[in-house]
Amino acid sequence: MDEIDSRLVTQLQRGFPVTQQPYREAAAELGLTEDELISRLKKLLDEGVLTRFGPLYQVERLGGAYSLAAMQVPESDYDRISELVNAFPEVAHNYRREHAFNMWFVVAAASPAEVKRVLFSIERDSTHPVFEFPKLREYFVNLDLPAW
């Protein structure tokens, strides 16, 4: 990652323009063309420097629901269950952890009932209990990490 990429990543963590031509506006702030910015983003994603570039939504404000869930998955069955969990379009992301609960994932759906249906289906299909950890309170943490 060069200095321009570092500035790009740092700037985009702080926000992305919501305009007719957001890439052009973001590029101008960095002294780049729109094509240069898009090319650099694609390269950072392709190389795995960035794993995701996109908006974060507050699903409840859109009328939906989500919940954090965890499972205790035997290592010998981890890949199969991971594929099963990830096959649900409602699973936003799935993380492996070194802990008794070694699989954590978020389910986002149109309603709380739909979240429950997905969690039940995962439990039924995997034959392993799913533990739900619904949000009780929301905190805003502005995580702004300089990319250098």
Protein backbone atom coordinates (compact mmCIF):
# COMPACT_ATOMS: atom_id res chain seq x y z
CA MET A 1 0.00 0.00 0.00
CA ASP A 2 1.49 3.32 -1.00
CA GLU A 3 0.86 6.75 0.55
CA ILE A 4 -2.11 7.46 -1.73
CA ASP A 5 -3.75 4.15 -0.81
CA SER A 6 -3.20 4.95 2.88
CA ARG A 7 -4.86 8.35 2.48
CA LEU A 8 -7.68 6.74 0.49
CA VAL A 9 -8.44 4.12 3.14
CA THR A 10 -8.19 6.65 5.97
CA GLN A 11 -10.50 9.12 4.18
CA LEU A 12 -13.12 6.56 3.20
CA GLN A 13 -13.39 5.28 6.79
CA ARG A 14 -14.65 8.73 7.71
CA GLY A 15 -17.42 8.75 5.14
CA PHE A 16 -18.33 8.48 1.51
CA PRO A 17 -20.13 11.22 -0.41
CA VAL A 18 -23.82 10.69 -1.04
CA THR A 19 -24.06 12.56 -4.33
CA GLN A 20 -24.75 11.93 -8.01
CA GLN A 21 -21.05 11.09 -8.57
CA PRO A 22 -19.67 9.96 -5.22
CA TYR A 23 -16.51 8.34 -6.60
CA ARG A 24 -15.62 11.47 -8.53
CA GLU A 25 -16.14 13.64 -5.44
CA ALA A 26 -14.10 11.31 -3.19
CA ALA A 27 -11.35 11.16 -5.82
CA ALA A 28 -11.18 14.95 -6.11
CA GLU A 29 -10.61 15.24 -2.35
CA LEU A 30 -7.54 13.02 -2.82
CA GLY A 31 -6.30 14.69 -5.99
CA LEU A 32 -7.20 11.63 -8.11
CA THR A 33 -9.47 11.00 -11.05
CA GLU A 34 -12.58 8.91 -10.59
CA ASP A 35 -11.03 6.06 -12.61
CA GLU A 36 -7.86 6.13 -10.47
CA LEU A 37 -9.88 5.91 -7.25
CA ILE A 38 -11.98 3.01 -8.55
CA SER A 39 -8.87 1.22 -9.81
CA ARG A 40 -7.13 1.63 -6.46
CA LEU A 41 -10.19 0.37 -4.56
CA LYS A 42 -10.43 -2.67 -6.84
CA LYS A 43 -6.72 -3.43 -6.32
CA LEU A 44 -7.02 -3.12 -2.52
CA LEU A 45 -10.01 -5.48 -2.56
CA ASP A 46 -8.36 -7.95 -4.97
CA GLU A 47 -5.21 -8.08 -2.83
CA GLY A 48 -7.20 -8.57 0.38
CA VAL A 49 -5.96 -5.32 1.92
CA LEU A 50 -9.65 -4.42 2.14
CA THR A 51 -12.12 -7.24 2.65
CA ARG A 52 -15.21 -5.13 2.06
CA PHE A 53 -16.18 -1.72 0.73
CA GLY A 54 -19.77 -0.67 1.17
CA PRO A 55 -22.34 0.92 3.45
CA LEU A 56 -23.36 -0.20 6.90
CA TYR A 57 -27.09 -0.06 7.44
CA GLN A 58 -29.08 0.18 10.65
CA VAL A 59 -31.50 -2.53 9.65
CA GLU A 60 -34.05 -1.69 12.35
CA ARG A 61 -34.45 1.82 10.91
CA LEU A 62 -35.31 0.15 7.61
CA GLY A 63 -37.97 -1.98 9.32
CA GLY A 64 -35.87 -5.15 9.62
CA ALA A 65 -34.23 -7.06 12.43
CA TYR A 66 -30.92 -8.75 13.17
CA SER A 67 -29.23 -10.77 15.86
CA LEU A 68 -25.81 -12.10 16.74
CA ALA A 69 -25.59 -15.87 17.12
CA ALA A 70 -22.94 -18.35 18.18
CA MET A 71 -22.38 -22.08 17.99
CA GLN A 72 -20.03 -24.64 19.47
CA VAL A 73 -18.94 -26.55 16.40
CA PRO A 74 -16.70 -29.63 16.48
CA GLU A 75 -13.56 -29.05 14.41
CA SER A 76 -14.29 -32.20 12.42
CA ASP A 77 -17.62 -30.71 11.28
CA TYR A 78 -16.63 -27.04 11.07
CA ASP A 79 -16.38 -26.73 7.27
CA ARG A 80 -19.74 -28.43 6.66
CA ILE A 81 -21.57 -26.28 9.20
CA SER A 82 -19.85 -23.12 8.00
CA GLU A 83 -21.08 -23.82 4.46
CA LEU A 84 -24.57 -24.55 5.76
CA VAL A 85 -24.70 -21.30 7.78
CA ASN A 86 -23.23 -19.20 4.95
CA ALA A 87 -25.77 -20.60 2.47
CA PHE A 88 -28.53 -18.59 4.16
CA PRO A 89 -28.82 -15.21 2.41
CA GLU A 90 -29.81 -13.69 5.77
CA VAL A 91 -26.36 -14.45 7.23
CA ALA A 92 -24.50 -11.17 6.95
CA HIS A 93 -21.11 -12.45 8.10
CA ASN A 94 -19.63 -15.44 9.89
CA TYR A 95 -16.48 -15.43 12.00
CA ARG A 96 -14.35 -18.23 13.42
CA ARG A 97 -13.14 -17.67 16.99
CA GLU A 98 -10.77 -19.48 19.31
CA HIS A 99 -13.30 -19.98 22.09
CA ALA A 100 -15.79 -22.61 23.25
CA PHE A 101 -18.23 -20.77 20.97
CA ASN A 102 -16.06 -20.99 17.87
CA MET A 103 -18.56 -19.85 15.21
CA TRP A 104 -20.21 -16.42 15.41
CA PHE A 105 -22.52 -14.97 12.79
CA VAL A 106 -25.09 -12.23 12.28
CA VAL A 107 -28.54 -12.87 10.86
CA ALA A 108 -30.32 -9.89 9.27
CA ALA A 109 -33.88 -10.31 8.04
CA ALA A 110 -37.14 -8.49 7.36
CA SER A 111 -38.57 -9.18 10.84
CA PRO A 112 -37.71 -10.66 14.24
CA ALA A 113 -39.83 -13.70 13.33
CA GLU A 114 -37.73 -14.23 10.19
CA VAL A 115 -34.51 -14.03 12.23
CA LYS A 116 -35.91 -16.72 14.56
CA ARG A 117 -36.89 -18.88 11.57
CA VAL A 118 -33.35 -18.73 10.14
CA LEU A 119 -31.75 -19.51 13.52
CA PHE A 120 -34.13 -22.44 13.99
CA SER A 121 -33.36 -23.74 10.49
CA ILE A 122 -29.60 -23.54 11.11
CA GLU A 123 -29.98 -25.39 14.40
CA ARG A 124 -32.19 -28.06 12.82
CA ASP A 125 -30.03 -28.56 9.74
CA SER A 126 -26.69 -28.53 11.59
CA THR A 127 -27.93 -30.61 14.54
CA HIS A 128 -26.00 -28.22 16.84
CA PRO A 129 -27.55 -25.67 19.21
CA VAL A 130 -27.56 -22.04 18.11
CA PHE A 131 -27.22 -19.46 20.89
CA GLU A 132 -28.76 -16.07 20.15
CA PHE A 133 -27.35 -12.83 21.55
CA PRO A 134 -29.81 -10.08 20.61
CA LYS A 135 -28.82 -6.45 20.96
CA LEU A 136 -30.03 -5.00 24.23
CA ARG A 137 -28.49 -1.56 23.84
CA GLU A 138 -26.69 0.22 21.02
CA TYR A 139 -23.38 2.02 21.36
CA PHE A 140 -21.70 4.15 18.73
CA VAL A 141 -17.94 3.66 18.55
CA ASN A 142 -16.22 5.70 15.89
CA LEU A 143 -13.42 3.37 14.90
CA ASP A 144 -11.10 5.39 12.70
CA LEU A 145 -7.81 3.60 12.07
CA PRO A 146 -5.08 5.41 10.15
CA ALA A 147 -3.91 3.24 7.25
CA TRP A 148 -0.10 3.56 7.19
